[in-house]
């Protein structure tokens, strides 16, 4: 029976999650992302007027979150009525996870190779 690519995905995903949660700086960044998303979802579903609550997740996940959002906007939609809060929160969470993995990688640094 041929092997599928699924077993290879698990070590890569595990490595990404280890990078994103292994250092204190990456954990603190994930906590800030979670707080921004919690504020956004609370303002959207509980509050009377969400206002600019979606700006905070953009600000926290700055480079990757904004690029991912701009890449996903269809050209024929000029307004953001098609974007649901759940899709926005999921995309922001993924961007935050990738940013945290990058932070974890930078904090760990490059280990010297044995001679």
PDB file of N, CA and C in Angstrom:
ATOM      1  N   UNK A   1       0.846  -1.172   0.000  1.00  0.00           N
ATOM      2  CA  UNK A   1       0.000   0.000   0.000  1.00  0.00           C
ATOM      3  C   UNK A   1       0.900   1.246   0.000  1.00  0.00           C
ATOM      4  N   UNK A   2       0.669   2.222  -0.892  1.00  0.00           N
ATOM      5  CA  UNK A   2       1.530   3.407  -0.937  1.00  0.00           C
ATOM      6  C   UNK A   2       1.287   4.311   0.269  1.00  0.00           C
ATOM      7  N   UNK A   3       2.361   4.913   0.706  1.00  0.00           N
ATOM      8  CA  UNK A   3       2.261   5.829   1.837  1.00  0.00           C
ATOM      9  C   UNK A   3       1.665   7.156   1.372  1.00  0.00           C
ATOM     10  N   UNK A   4       0.891   7.743   2.234  1.00  0.00           N
ATOM     11  CA  UNK A   4       0.331   9.043   1.919  1.00  0.00           C
ATOM     12  C   UNK A   4       1.223  10.122   2.519  1.00  0.00           C
ATOM     13  N   UNK A   5       0.978  11.361   2.144  1.00  0.00           N
ATOM     14  CA  UNK A   5       1.787  12.463   2.649  1.00  0.00           C
ATOM     15  C   UNK A   5       1.327  12.923   4.033  1.00  0.00           C
ATOM     16  N   UNK A   6       0.294  12.322   4.564  1.00  0.00           N
ATOM     17  CA  UNK A   6      -0.231  12.746   5.863  1.00  0.00           C
ATOM     18  C   UNK A   6       0.750  12.550   7.020  1.00  0.00           C
ATOM     19  N   UNK A   7       1.472  11.436   7.115  1.00  0.00           N
ATOM     20  CA  UNK A   7       2.411  11.317   8.228  1.00  0.00           C
ATOM     21  C   UNK A   7       3.519  12.369   8.200  1.00  0.00           C
ATOM     22  N   UNK A   8       3.883  12.872   7.038  1.00  0.00           N
ATOM     23  CA  UNK A   8       4.904  13.905   6.962  1.00  0.00           C
ATOM     24  C   UNK A   8       4.398  15.245   7.478  1.00  0.00           C
ATOM     25  N   UNK A   9       3.111  15.471   7.388  1.00  0.00           N
ATOM     26  CA  UNK A   9       2.550  16.749   7.812  1.00  0.00           C
ATOM     27  C   UNK A   9       2.600  16.897   9.328  1.00  0.00           C
ATOM     28  N   UNK A  10       2.430  15.834  10.044  1.00  0.00           N
ATOM     29  CA  UNK A  10       2.394  15.926  11.502  1.00  0.00           C
ATOM     30  C   UNK A  10       3.710  16.408  12.101  1.00  0.00           C
ATOM     31  N   UNK A  11       4.874  15.895  11.691  1.00  0.00           N
ATOM     32  CA  UNK A  11       6.105  16.450  12.260  1.00  0.00           C
ATOM     33  C   UNK A  11       6.320  17.916  11.897  1.00  0.00           C
ATOM     34  N   UNK A  12       5.917  18.319  10.698  1.00  0.00           N
ATOM     35  CA  UNK A  12       6.055  19.730  10.320  1.00  0.00           C
ATOM     36  C   UNK A  12       5.142  20.611  11.147  1.00  0.00           C
ATOM     37  N   UNK A  13       3.914  20.173  11.355  1.00  0.00           N
ATOM     38  CA  UNK A  13       2.981  20.933  12.176  1.00  0.00           C
ATOM     39  C   UNK A  13       3.448  20.970  13.628  1.00  0.00           C
ATOM     40  N   UNK A  14       3.951  19.853  14.112  1.00  0.00           N
ATOM     41  CA  UNK A  14       4.477  19.806  15.476  1.00  0.00           C
ATOM     42  C   UNK A  14       5.666  20.744  15.630  1.00  0.00           C
ATOM     43  N   UNK A  15       6.541  20.793  14.627  1.00  0.00           N
ATOM     44  CA  UNK A  15       7.698  21.682  14.675  1.00  0.00           C
ATOM     45  C   UNK A  15       7.254  23.145  14.678  1.00  0.00           C
ATOM     46  N   UNK A  16       6.237  23.469  13.897  1.00  0.00           N
ATOM     47  CA  UNK A  16       5.710  24.840  13.883  1.00  0.00           C
ATOM     48  C   UNK A  16       5.110  25.201  15.233  1.00  0.00           C
ATOM     49  N   UNK A  17       4.370  24.278  15.828  1.00  0.00           N
ATOM     50  CA  UNK A  17       3.778  24.555  17.137  1.00  0.00           C
ATOM     51  C   UNK A  17       4.834  24.651  18.233  1.00  0.00           C
ATOM     52  N   UNK A  18       5.897  23.863  18.125  1.00  0.00           N
ATOM     53  CA  UNK A  18       6.973  23.961  19.112  1.00  0.00           C
ATOM     54  C   UNK A  18       7.667  25.315  18.987  1.00  0.00           C
ATOM     55  N   UNK A  19       7.929  25.744  17.770  1.00  0.00           N
ATOM     56  CA  UNK A  19       8.544  27.065  17.590  1.00  0.00           C
ATOM     57  C   UNK A  19       7.651  28.178  18.109  1.00  0.00           C
ATOM     58  N   UNK A  20       6.340  28.013  17.953  1.00  0.00           N
ATOM     59  CA  UNK A  20       5.404  29.060  18.354  1.00  0.00           C
ATOM     60  C   UNK A  20       5.158  29.085  19.849  1.00  0.00           C
ATOM     61  N   UNK A  21       5.476  28.018  20.566  1.00  0.00           N
ATOM     62  CA  UNK A  21       5.168  27.987  21.999  1.00  0.00           C
ATOM     63  C   UNK A  21       6.367  27.672  22.879  1.00  0.00           C
ATOM     64  N   UNK A  22       7.549  27.559  22.326  1.00  0.00           N
ATOM     65  CA  UNK A  22       8.699  27.123  23.100  1.00  0.00           C
ATOM     66  C   UNK A  22       9.367  28.251  23.886  1.00  0.00           C
ATOM     67  N   UNK A  23       9.334  29.452  23.393  1.00  0.00           N
ATOM     68  CA  UNK A  23      10.016  30.559  24.066  1.00  0.00           C
ATOM     69  C   UNK A  23       9.007  31.467  24.749  1.00  0.00           C
ATOM     70  N   UNK A  24       9.466  32.198  25.732  1.00  0.00           N
ATOM     71  CA  UNK A  24       8.563  33.081  26.482  1.00  0.00           C
ATOM     72  C   UNK A  24       8.085  34.241  25.620  1.00  0.00           C
ATOM     73  N   UNK A  25       8.920  34.715  24.688  1.00  0.00           N
ATOM     74  CA  UNK A  25       8.505  35.827  23.833  1.00  0.00           C
ATOM     75  C   UNK A  25       7.382  35.400  22.882  1.00  0.00           C
ATOM     76  N   UNK A  26       7.492  34.212  22.325  1.00  0.00           N
ATOM     77  CA  UNK A  26       6.448  33.715  21.429  1.00  0.00           C
ATOM     78  C   UNK A  26       5.147  33.469  22.188  1.00  0.00           C
ATOM     79  N   UNK A  27       5.246  32.964  23.410  1.00  0.00           N
ATOM     80  CA  UNK A  27       4.041  32.757  24.222  1.00  0.00           C
ATOM     81  C   UNK A  27       3.376  34.078  24.575  1.00  0.00           C
ATOM     82  N   UNK A  28       4.178  35.074  24.917  1.00  0.00           N
ATOM     83  CA  UNK A  28       3.623  36.393  25.232  1.00  0.00           C
ATOM     84  C   UNK A  28       2.951  36.996  24.001  1.00  0.00           C
ATOM     85  N   UNK A  29       3.556  36.813  22.834  1.00  0.00           N
ATOM     86  CA  UNK A  29       2.954  37.319  21.601  1.00  0.00           C
ATOM     87  C   UNK A  29       1.620  36.619  21.320  1.00  0.00           C
ATOM     88  N   UNK A  30       1.575  35.305  21.527  1.00  0.00           N
ATOM     89  CA  UNK A  30       0.311  34.582  21.329  1.00  0.00           C
ATOM     90  C   UNK A  30      -0.757  35.050  22.317  1.00  0.00           C
ATOM     91  N   UNK A  31      -0.352  35.408  23.526  1.00  0.00           N
ATOM     92  CA  UNK A  31      -1.311  35.939  24.502  1.00  0.00           C
ATOM     93  C   UNK A  31      -1.857  37.290  24.055  1.00  0.00           C
ATOM     94  N   UNK A  32      -1.012  38.124  23.467  1.00  0.00           N
ATOM     95  CA  UNK A  32      -1.476  39.421  22.958  1.00  0.00           C
ATOM     96  C   UNK A  32      -2.429  39.222  21.779  1.00  0.00           C
ATOM     97  N   UNK A  33      -2.113  38.281  20.901  1.00  0.00           N
ATOM     98  CA  UNK A  33      -3.001  37.980  19.771  1.00  0.00           C
ATOM     99  C   UNK A  33      -4.346  37.463  20.280  1.00  0.00           C
ATOM    100  N   UNK A  34      -4.313  36.578  21.274  1.00  0.00           N
ATOM    101  CA  UNK A  34      -5.564  36.053  21.839  1.00  0.00           C
ATOM    102  C   UNK A  34      -6.382  37.154  22.500  1.00  0.00           C
ATOM    103  N   UNK A  35      -5.722  38.081  23.179  1.00  0.00           N
ATOM    104  CA  UNK A  35      -6.441  39.193  23.803  1.00  0.00           C
ATOM    105  C   UNK A  35      -7.069  40.104  22.751  1.00  0.00           C
ATOM    106  N   UNK A  36      -6.344  40.382  21.670  1.00  0.00           N
ATOM    107  CA  UNK A  36      -6.897  41.221  20.603  1.00  0.00           C
ATOM    108  C   UNK A  36      -8.080  40.543  19.926  1.00  0.00           C
ATOM    109  N   UNK A  37      -7.967  39.225  19.688  1.00  0.00           N
ATOM    110  CA  UNK A  37      -9.085  38.501  19.088  1.00  0.00           C
ATOM    111  C   UNK A  37     -10.271  38.414  20.038  1.00  0.00           C
ATOM    112  N   UNK A  38      -9.997  38.219  21.321  1.00  0.00           N
ATOM    113  CA  UNK A  38     -11.078  38.192  22.309  1.00  0.00           C
ATOM    114  C   UNK A  38     -11.806  39.521  22.386  1.00  0.00           C
ATOM    115  N   UNK A  39     -11.047  40.614  22.340  1.00  0.00           N
ATOM    116  CA  UNK A  39     -11.672  41.934  22.338  1.00  0.00           C
ATOM    117  C   UNK A  39     -12.518  42.147  21.090  1.00  0.00           C
ATOM    118  N   UNK A  40     -11.992  41.728  19.932  1.00  0.00           N
ATOM    119  CA  UNK A  40     -12.737  41.887  18.685  1.00  0.00           C
ATOM    120  C   UNK A  40     -14.029  41.072  18.700  1.00  0.00           C
ATOM    121  N   UNK A  41     -13.921  39.790  19.084  1.00  0.00           N
ATOM    122  CA  UNK A  41     -15.117  38.940  19.088  1.00  0.00           C
ATOM    123  C   UNK A  41     -16.117  39.382  20.145  1.00  0.00           C
ATOM    124  N   UNK A  42     -15.629  39.839  21.284  1.00  0.00           N
ATOM    125  CA  UNK A  42     -16.530  40.369  22.308  1.00  0.00           C
ATOM    126  C   UNK A  42     -17.243  41.620  21.847  1.00  0.00           C
ATOM    127  N   UNK A  43     -16.517  42.508  21.186  1.00  0.00           N
ATOM    128  CA  UNK A  43     -17.138  43.733  20.687  1.00  0.00           C
ATOM    129  C   UNK A  43     -18.118  43.436  19.559  1.00  0.00           C
ATOM    130  N   UNK A  44     -17.823  42.427  18.759  1.00  0.00           N
ATOM    131  CA  UNK A  44     -18.696  42.113  17.626  1.00  0.00           C
ATOM    132  C   UNK A  44     -19.989  41.433  18.070  1.00  0.00           C
ATOM    133  N   UNK A  45     -19.872  40.429  18.945  1.00  0.00           N
ATOM    134  CA  UNK A  45     -21.037  39.640  19.305  1.00  0.00           C
ATOM    135  C   UNK A  45     -21.773  40.153  20.540  1.00  0.00           C
ATOM    136  N   UNK A  46     -21.094  40.809  21.466  1.00  0.00           N
ATOM    137  CA  UNK A  46     -21.725  41.218  22.710  1.00  0.00           C
ATOM    138  C   UNK A  46     -22.026  42.710  22.735  1.00  0.00           C
ATOM    139  N   UNK A  47     -21.084  43.487  22.266  1.00  0.00           N
ATOM    140  CA  UNK A  47     -21.233  44.943  22.322  1.00  0.00           C
ATOM    141  C   UNK A  47     -22.267  45.469  21.346  1.00  0.00           C
ATOM    142  N   UNK A  48     -22.776  46.674  21.602  1.00  0.00           N
ATOM    143  CA  UNK A  48     -23.774  47.240  20.700  1.00  0.00           C
ATOM    144  C   UNK A  48     -23.180  47.732  19.377  1.00  0.00           C
ATOM    145  N   UNK A  49     -21.933  48.202  19.396  1.00  0.00           N
ATOM    146  CA  UNK A  49     -21.314  48.718  18.184  1.00  0.00           C
ATOM    147  C   UNK A  49     -19.839  48.322  18.185  1.00  0.00           C
ATOM    148  N   UNK A  50     -19.422  47.461  17.249  1.00  0.00           N
ATOM    149  CA  UNK A  50     -18.024  47.028  17.270  1.00  0.00           C
ATOM    150  C   UNK A  50     -17.045  48.124  16.892  1.00  0.00           C
ATOM    151  N   UNK A  51     -17.479  49.101  16.145  1.00  0.00           N
ATOM    152  CA  UNK A  51     -16.605  50.210  15.778  1.00  0.00           C
ATOM    153  C   UNK A  51     -15.356  49.736  15.048  1.00  0.00           C
ATOM    154  N   UNK A  52     -14.219  50.121  15.567  1.00  0.00           N
ATOM    155  CA  UNK A  52     -12.941  49.749  14.952  1.00  0.00           C
ATOM    156  C   UNK A  52     -12.253  48.622  15.704  1.00  0.00           C
ATOM    157  N   UNK A  53     -13.019  47.722  16.270  1.00  0.00           N
ATOM    158  CA  UNK A  53     -12.436  46.622  17.049  1.00  0.00           C
ATOM    159  C   UNK A  53     -11.613  45.687  16.180  1.00  0.00           C
ATOM    160  N   UNK A  54     -11.875  45.611  14.901  1.00  0.00           N
ATOM    161  CA  UNK A  54     -11.095  44.768  14.005  1.00  0.00           C
ATOM    162  C   UNK A  54      -9.722  45.320  13.701  1.00  0.00           C
ATOM    163  N   UNK A  55      -9.480  46.569  14.079  1.00  0.00           N
ATOM    164  CA  UNK A  55      -8.177  47.170  13.837  1.00  0.00           C
ATOM    165  C   UNK A  55      -7.105  46.563  14.739  1.00  0.00           C
ATOM    166  N   UNK A  56      -7.462  46.186  15.956  1.00  0.00           N
ATOM    167  CA  UNK A  56      -6.471  45.667  16.899  1.00  0.00           C
ATOM    168  C   UNK A  56      -5.863  44.350  16.443  1.00  0.00           C
ATOM    169  N   UNK A  57      -6.640  43.386  15.952  1.00  0.00           N
ATOM    170  CA  UNK A  57      -5.985  42.184  15.417  1.00  0.00           C
ATOM    171  C   UNK A  57      -5.093  42.486  14.208  1.00  0.00           C
ATOM    172  N   UNK A  58      -5.487  43.445  13.372  1.00  0.00           N
ATOM    173  CA  UNK A  58      -4.619  43.854  12.268  1.00  0.00           C
ATOM    174  C   UNK A  58      -3.301  44.400  12.789  1.00  0.00           C
ATOM    175  N   UNK A  59      -3.385  45.225  13.807  1.00  0.00           N
ATOM    176  CA  UNK A  59      -2.198  45.858  14.358  1.00  0.00           C
ATOM    177  C   UNK A  59      -1.276  44.832  15.007  1.00  0.00           C
ATOM    178  N   UNK A  60      -1.840  43.861  15.690  1.00  0.00           N
ATOM    179  CA  UNK A  60      -1.031  42.874  16.398  1.00  0.00           C
ATOM    180  C   UNK A  60      -0.344  41.912  15.427  1.00  0.00           C
ATOM    181  N   UNK A  61      -1.036  41.495  14.386  1.00  0.00           N
ATOM    182  CA  UNK A  61      -0.459  40.547  13.423  1.00  0.00           C
ATOM    183  C   UNK A  61       0.034  41.279  12.184  1.00  0.00           C
ATOM    184  N   UNK A  62       0.601  42.437  12.388  1.00  0.00           N
ATOM    185  CA  UNK A  62       0.895  43.412  11.345  1.00  0.00           C
ATOM    186  C   UNK A  62       1.397  42.879  10.013  1.00  0.00           C
ATOM    187  N   UNK A  63       2.559  42.337   9.867  1.00  0.00           N
ATOM    188  CA  UNK A  63       2.968  42.080   8.489  1.00  0.00           C
ATOM    189  C   UNK A  63       2.196  40.952   7.830  1.00  0.00           C
ATOM    190  N   UNK A  64       2.066  39.837   8.503  1.00  0.00           N
ATOM    191  CA  UNK A  64       1.460  38.668   7.865  1.00  0.00           C
ATOM    192  C   UNK A  64      -0.060  38.754   7.818  1.00  0.00           C
ATOM    193  N   UNK A  65      -0.674  39.285   8.850  1.00  0.00           N
ATOM    194  CA  UNK A  65      -2.128  39.373   8.891  1.00  0.00           C
ATOM    195  C   UNK A  65      -2.699  40.283   7.814  1.00  0.00           C
ATOM    196  N   UNK A  66      -2.060  41.407   7.611  1.00  0.00           N
ATOM    197  CA  UNK A  66      -2.541  42.353   6.600  1.00  0.00           C
ATOM    198  C   UNK A  66      -2.311  41.799   5.204  1.00  0.00           C
ATOM    199  N   UNK A  67      -1.159  41.185   4.968  1.00  0.00           N
ATOM    200  CA  UNK A  67      -0.900  40.611   3.648  1.00  0.00           C
ATOM    201  C   UNK A  67      -1.839  39.461   3.337  1.00  0.00           C
ATOM    202  N   UNK A  68      -2.124  38.633   4.330  1.00  0.00           N
ATOM    203  CA  UNK A  68      -3.058  37.523   4.110  1.00  0.00           C
ATOM    204  C   UNK A  68      -4.456  38.040   3.827  1.00  0.00           C
ATOM    205  N   UNK A  69      -4.847  39.108   4.523  1.00  0.00           N
ATOM    206  CA  UNK A  69      -6.175  39.672   4.286  1.00  0.00           C
ATOM    207  C   UNK A  69      -6.269  40.289   2.898  1.00  0.00           C
ATOM    208  N   UNK A  70      -5.265  41.052   2.496  1.00  0.00           N
ATOM    209  CA  UNK A  70      -5.299  41.690   1.176  1.00  0.00           C
ATOM    210  C   UNK A  70      -5.264  40.661   0.051  1.00  0.00           C
ATOM    211  N   UNK A  71      -4.587  39.557   0.262  1.00  0.00           N
ATOM    212  CA  UNK A  71      -4.546  38.514  -0.756  1.00  0.00           C
ATOM    213  C   UNK A  71      -5.870  37.776  -0.871  1.00  0.00           C
ATOM    214  N   UNK A  72      -6.672  37.779   0.190  1.00  0.00           N
ATOM    215  CA  UNK A  72      -7.929  37.028   0.162  1.00  0.00           C
ATOM    216  C   UNK A  72      -9.125  37.863  -0.273  1.00  0.00           C
ATOM    217  N   UNK A  73      -8.983  39.171  -0.429  1.00  0.00           N
ATOM    218  CA  UNK A  73     -10.111  40.017  -0.815  1.00  0.00           C
ATOM    219  C   UNK A  73     -10.363  39.882  -2.311  1.00  0.00           C
ATOM    220  N   UNK A  74     -11.542  39.447  -2.696  1.00  0.00           N
ATOM    221  CA  UNK A  74     -11.858  39.390  -4.125  1.00  0.00           C
ATOM    222  C   UNK A  74     -11.954  40.793  -4.720  1.00  0.00           C
ATOM    223  N   UNK A  75     -11.581  40.928  -5.974  1.00  0.00           N
ATOM    224  CA  UNK A  75     -11.553  42.234  -6.614  1.00  0.00           C
ATOM    225  C   UNK A  75     -12.956  42.809  -6.814  1.00  0.00           C
ATOM    226  N   UNK A  76     -13.945  41.949  -6.980  1.00  0.00           N
ATOM    227  CA  UNK A  76     -15.298  42.457  -7.260  1.00  0.00           C
ATOM    228  C   UNK A  76     -16.021  42.957  -6.013  1.00  0.00           C
ATOM    229  N   UNK A  77     -15.478  42.692  -4.828  1.00  0.00           N
ATOM    230  CA  UNK A  77     -16.111  43.144  -3.593  1.00  0.00           C
ATOM    231  C   UNK A  77     -15.361  44.359  -3.057  1.00  0.00           C
ATOM    232  N   UNK A  78     -16.018  45.484  -3.100  1.00  0.00           N
ATOM    233  CA  UNK A  78     -15.363  46.683  -2.583  1.00  0.00           C
ATOM    234  C   UNK A  78     -15.649  46.875  -1.095  1.00  0.00           C
ATOM    235  N   UNK A  79     -16.742  46.299  -0.602  1.00  0.00           N
ATOM    236  CA  UNK A  79     -17.038  46.410   0.828  1.00  0.00           C
ATOM    237  C   UNK A  79     -16.643  45.113   1.526  1.00  0.00           C
ATOM    238  N   UNK A  80     -16.588  45.154   2.838  1.00  0.00           N
ATOM    239  CA  UNK A  80     -16.179  43.987   3.601  1.00  0.00           C
ATOM    240  C   UNK A  80     -17.358  43.224   4.183  1.00  0.00           C
ATOM    241  N   UNK A  81     -18.531  43.337   3.574  1.00  0.00           N
ATOM    242  CA  UNK A  81     -19.707  42.653   4.103  1.00  0.00           C
ATOM    243  C   UNK A  81     -19.640  41.147   3.896  1.00  0.00           C
ATOM    244  N   UNK A  82     -18.825  40.685   2.970  1.00  0.00           N
ATOM    245  CA  UNK A  82     -18.714  39.252   2.716  1.00  0.00           C
ATOM    246  C   UNK A  82     -17.861  38.556   3.769  1.00  0.00           C
ATOM    247  N   UNK A  83     -17.069  39.304   4.524  1.00  0.00           N
ATOM    248  CA  UNK A  83     -16.143  38.718   5.487  1.00  0.00           C
ATOM    249  C   UNK A  83     -16.838  38.544   6.830  1.00  0.00           C
ATOM    250  N   UNK A  84     -17.004  37.314   7.258  1.00  0.00           N
ATOM    251  CA  UNK A  84     -17.653  37.071   8.542  1.00  0.00           C
ATOM    252  C   UNK A  84     -16.627  37.199   9.665  1.00  0.00           C
ATOM    253  N   UNK A  85     -17.077  37.483  10.871  1.00  0.00           N
ATOM    254  CA  UNK A  85     -16.131  37.605  11.986  1.00  0.00           C
ATOM    255  C   UNK A  85     -15.379  36.312  12.285  1.00  0.00           C
ATOM    256  N   UNK A  86     -16.010  35.167  12.060  1.00  0.00           N
ATOM    257  CA  UNK A  86     -15.335  33.896  12.319  1.00  0.00           C
ATOM    258  C   UNK A  86     -14.190  33.667  11.335  1.00  0.00           C
ATOM    259  N   UNK A  87     -14.402  34.005  10.063  1.00  0.00           N
ATOM    260  CA  UNK A  87     -13.343  33.855   9.061  1.00  0.00           C
ATOM    261  C   UNK A  87     -12.204  34.825   9.362  1.00  0.00           C
ATOM    262  N   UNK A  88     -12.547  36.041   9.733  1.00  0.00           N
ATOM    263  CA  UNK A  88     -11.538  37.029  10.089  1.00  0.00           C
ATOM    264  C   UNK A  88     -10.728  36.574  11.298  1.00  0.00           C
ATOM    265  N   UNK A  89     -11.397  36.027  12.309  1.00  0.00           N
ATOM    266  CA  UNK A  89     -10.707  35.572  13.517  1.00  0.00           C
ATOM    267  C   UNK A  89      -9.807  34.374  13.208  1.00  0.00           C
ATOM    268  N   UNK A  90     -10.265  33.455  12.368  1.00  0.00           N
ATOM    269  CA  UNK A  90      -9.451  32.289  12.024  1.00  0.00           C
ATOM    270  C   UNK A  90      -8.207  32.702  11.236  1.00  0.00           C
ATOM    271  N   UNK A  91      -8.374  33.600  10.284  1.00  0.00           N
ATOM    272  CA  UNK A  91      -7.222  34.085   9.526  1.00  0.00           C
ATOM    273  C   UNK A  91      -6.237  34.836  10.388  1.00  0.00           C
ATOM    274  N   UNK A  92      -6.751  35.636  11.308  1.00  0.00           N
ATOM    275  CA  UNK A  92      -5.877  36.376  12.214  1.00  0.00           C
ATOM    276  C   UNK A  92      -5.156  35.426  13.162  1.00  0.00           C
ATOM    277  N   UNK A  93      -5.839  34.391  13.624  1.00  0.00           N
ATOM    278  CA  UNK A  93      -5.195  33.410  14.509  1.00  0.00           C
ATOM    279  C   UNK A  93      -4.081  32.664  13.780  1.00  0.00           C
ATOM    280  N   UNK A  94      -4.304  32.284  12.536  1.00  0.00           N
ATOM    281  CA  UNK A  94      -3.259  31.618  11.763  1.00  0.00           C
ATOM    282  C   UNK A  94      -2.074  32.535  11.504  1.00  0.00           C
ATOM    283  N   UNK A  95      -2.352  33.798  11.195  1.00  0.00           N
ATOM    284  CA  UNK A  95      -1.268  34.753  10.993  1.00  0.00           C
ATOM    285  C   UNK A  95      -0.485  34.966  12.285  1.00  0.00           C
ATOM    286  N   UNK A  96      -1.196  35.013  13.409  1.00  0.00           N
ATOM    287  CA  UNK A  96      -0.521  35.153  14.696  1.00  0.00           C
ATOM    288  C   UNK A  96       0.328  33.939  15.031  1.00  0.00           C
ATOM    289  N   UNK A  97      -0.148  32.750  14.691  1.00  0.00           N
ATOM    290  CA  UNK A  97       0.620  31.530  14.928  1.00  0.00           C
ATOM    291  C   UNK A  97       1.895  31.520  14.086  1.00  0.00           C
ATOM    292  N   UNK A  98       1.791  31.928  12.849  1.00  0.00           N
ATOM    293  CA  UNK A  98       2.983  31.983  11.992  1.00  0.00           C
ATOM    294  C   UNK A  98       3.965  33.046  12.482  1.00  0.00           C
ATOM    295  N   UNK A  99       3.464  34.193  12.900  1.00  0.00           N
ATOM    296  CA  UNK A  99       4.343  35.228  13.447  1.00  0.00           C
ATOM    297  C   UNK A  99       5.011  34.749  14.732  1.00  0.00           C
ATOM    298  N   UNK A 100       4.282  34.024  15.578  1.00  0.00           N
ATOM    299  CA  UNK A 100       4.864  33.502  16.811  1.00  0.00           C
ATOM    300  C   UNK A 100       5.938  32.458  16.512  1.00  0.00           C
ATOM    301  N   UNK A 101       5.721  31.636  15.493  1.00  0.00           N
ATOM    302  CA  UNK A 101       6.737  30.660  15.103  1.00  0.00           C
ATOM    303  C   UNK A 101       7.995  31.370  14.600  1.00  0.00           C
ATOM    304  N   UNK A 102       7.821  32.448  13.852  1.00  0.00           N
ATOM    305  CA  UNK A 102       8.970  33.220  13.396  1.00  0.00           C
ATOM    306  C   UNK A 102       9.706  33.852  14.579  1.00  0.00           C
ATOM    307  N   UNK A 103       8.961  34.395  15.530  1.00  0.00           N
ATOM    308  CA  UNK A 103       9.590  34.947  16.729  1.00  0.00           C
ATOM    309  C   UNK A 103      10.338  33.868  17.512  1.00  0.00           C
ATOM    310  N   UNK A 104       9.738  32.711  17.652  1.00  0.00           N
ATOM    311  CA  UNK A 104      10.395  31.613  18.350  1.00  0.00           C
ATOM    312  C   UNK A 104      11.672  31.177  17.656  1.00  0.00           C
ATOM    313  N   UNK A 105      11.628  31.153  16.335  1.00  0.00           N
ATOM    314  CA  UNK A 105      12.823  30.783  15.573  1.00  0.00           C
ATOM    315  C   UNK A 105      13.925  31.826  15.752  1.00  0.00           C
ATOM    316  N   UNK A 106      13.557  33.096  15.754  1.00  0.00           N
ATOM    317  CA  UNK A 106      14.553  34.147  15.914  1.00  0.00           C
ATOM    318  C   UNK A 106      15.132  34.170  17.325  1.00  0.00           C
ATOM    319  N   UNK A 107      14.317  33.879  18.328  1.00  0.00           N
ATOM    320  CA  UNK A 107      14.808  33.879  19.700  1.00  0.00           C
ATOM    321  C   UNK A 107      15.740  32.690  19.935  1.00  0.00           C
ATOM    322  N   UNK A 108      15.385  31.546  19.419  1.00  0.00           N
ATOM    323  CA  UNK A 108      16.236  30.360  19.593  1.00  0.00           C
ATOM    324  C   UNK A 108      17.573  30.528  18.918  1.00  0.00           C
ATOM    325  N   UNK A 109      17.597  31.227  17.811  1.00  0.00           N
ATOM    326  CA  UNK A 109      18.836  31.442  17.081  1.00  0.00           C
ATOM    327  C   UNK A 109      19.272  30.211  16.323  1.00  0.00           C
ATOM    328  N   UNK A 110      20.341  30.371  15.619  1.00  0.00           N
ATOM    329  CA  UNK A 110      20.862  29.271  14.827  1.00  0.00           C
ATOM    330  C   UNK A 110      21.927  28.551  15.644  1.00  0.00           C
ATOM    331  N   UNK A 111      21.741  27.270  15.811  1.00  0.00           N
ATOM    332  CA  UNK A 111      22.699  26.473  16.568  1.00  0.00           C
ATOM    333  C   UNK A 111      23.861  26.062  15.665  1.00  0.00           C
ATOM    334  N   UNK A 112      25.081  26.106  16.188  1.00  0.00           N
ATOM    335  CA  UNK A 112      26.228  25.715  15.357  1.00  0.00           C
ATOM    336  C   UNK A 112      26.197  24.218  15.035  1.00  0.00           C
ATOM    337  N   UNK A 113      26.605  23.906  13.835  1.00  0.00           N
ATOM    338  CA  UNK A 113      26.651  22.506  13.418  1.00  0.00           C
ATOM    339  C   UNK A 113      27.902  21.845  13.963  1.00  0.00           C
ATOM    340  N   UNK A 114      27.789  20.584  14.364  1.00  0.00           N
ATOM    341  CA  UNK A 114      28.987  19.893  14.862  1.00  0.00           C
ATOM    342  C   UNK A 114      29.987  19.645  13.716  1.00  0.00           C
ATOM    343  N   UNK A 115      31.247  19.742  14.036  1.00  0.00           N
ATOM    344  CA  UNK A 115      32.287  19.578  13.008  1.00  0.00           C
ATOM    345  C   UNK A 115      32.536  18.138  12.668  1.00  0.00           C
TER     346      UNK A 115
END
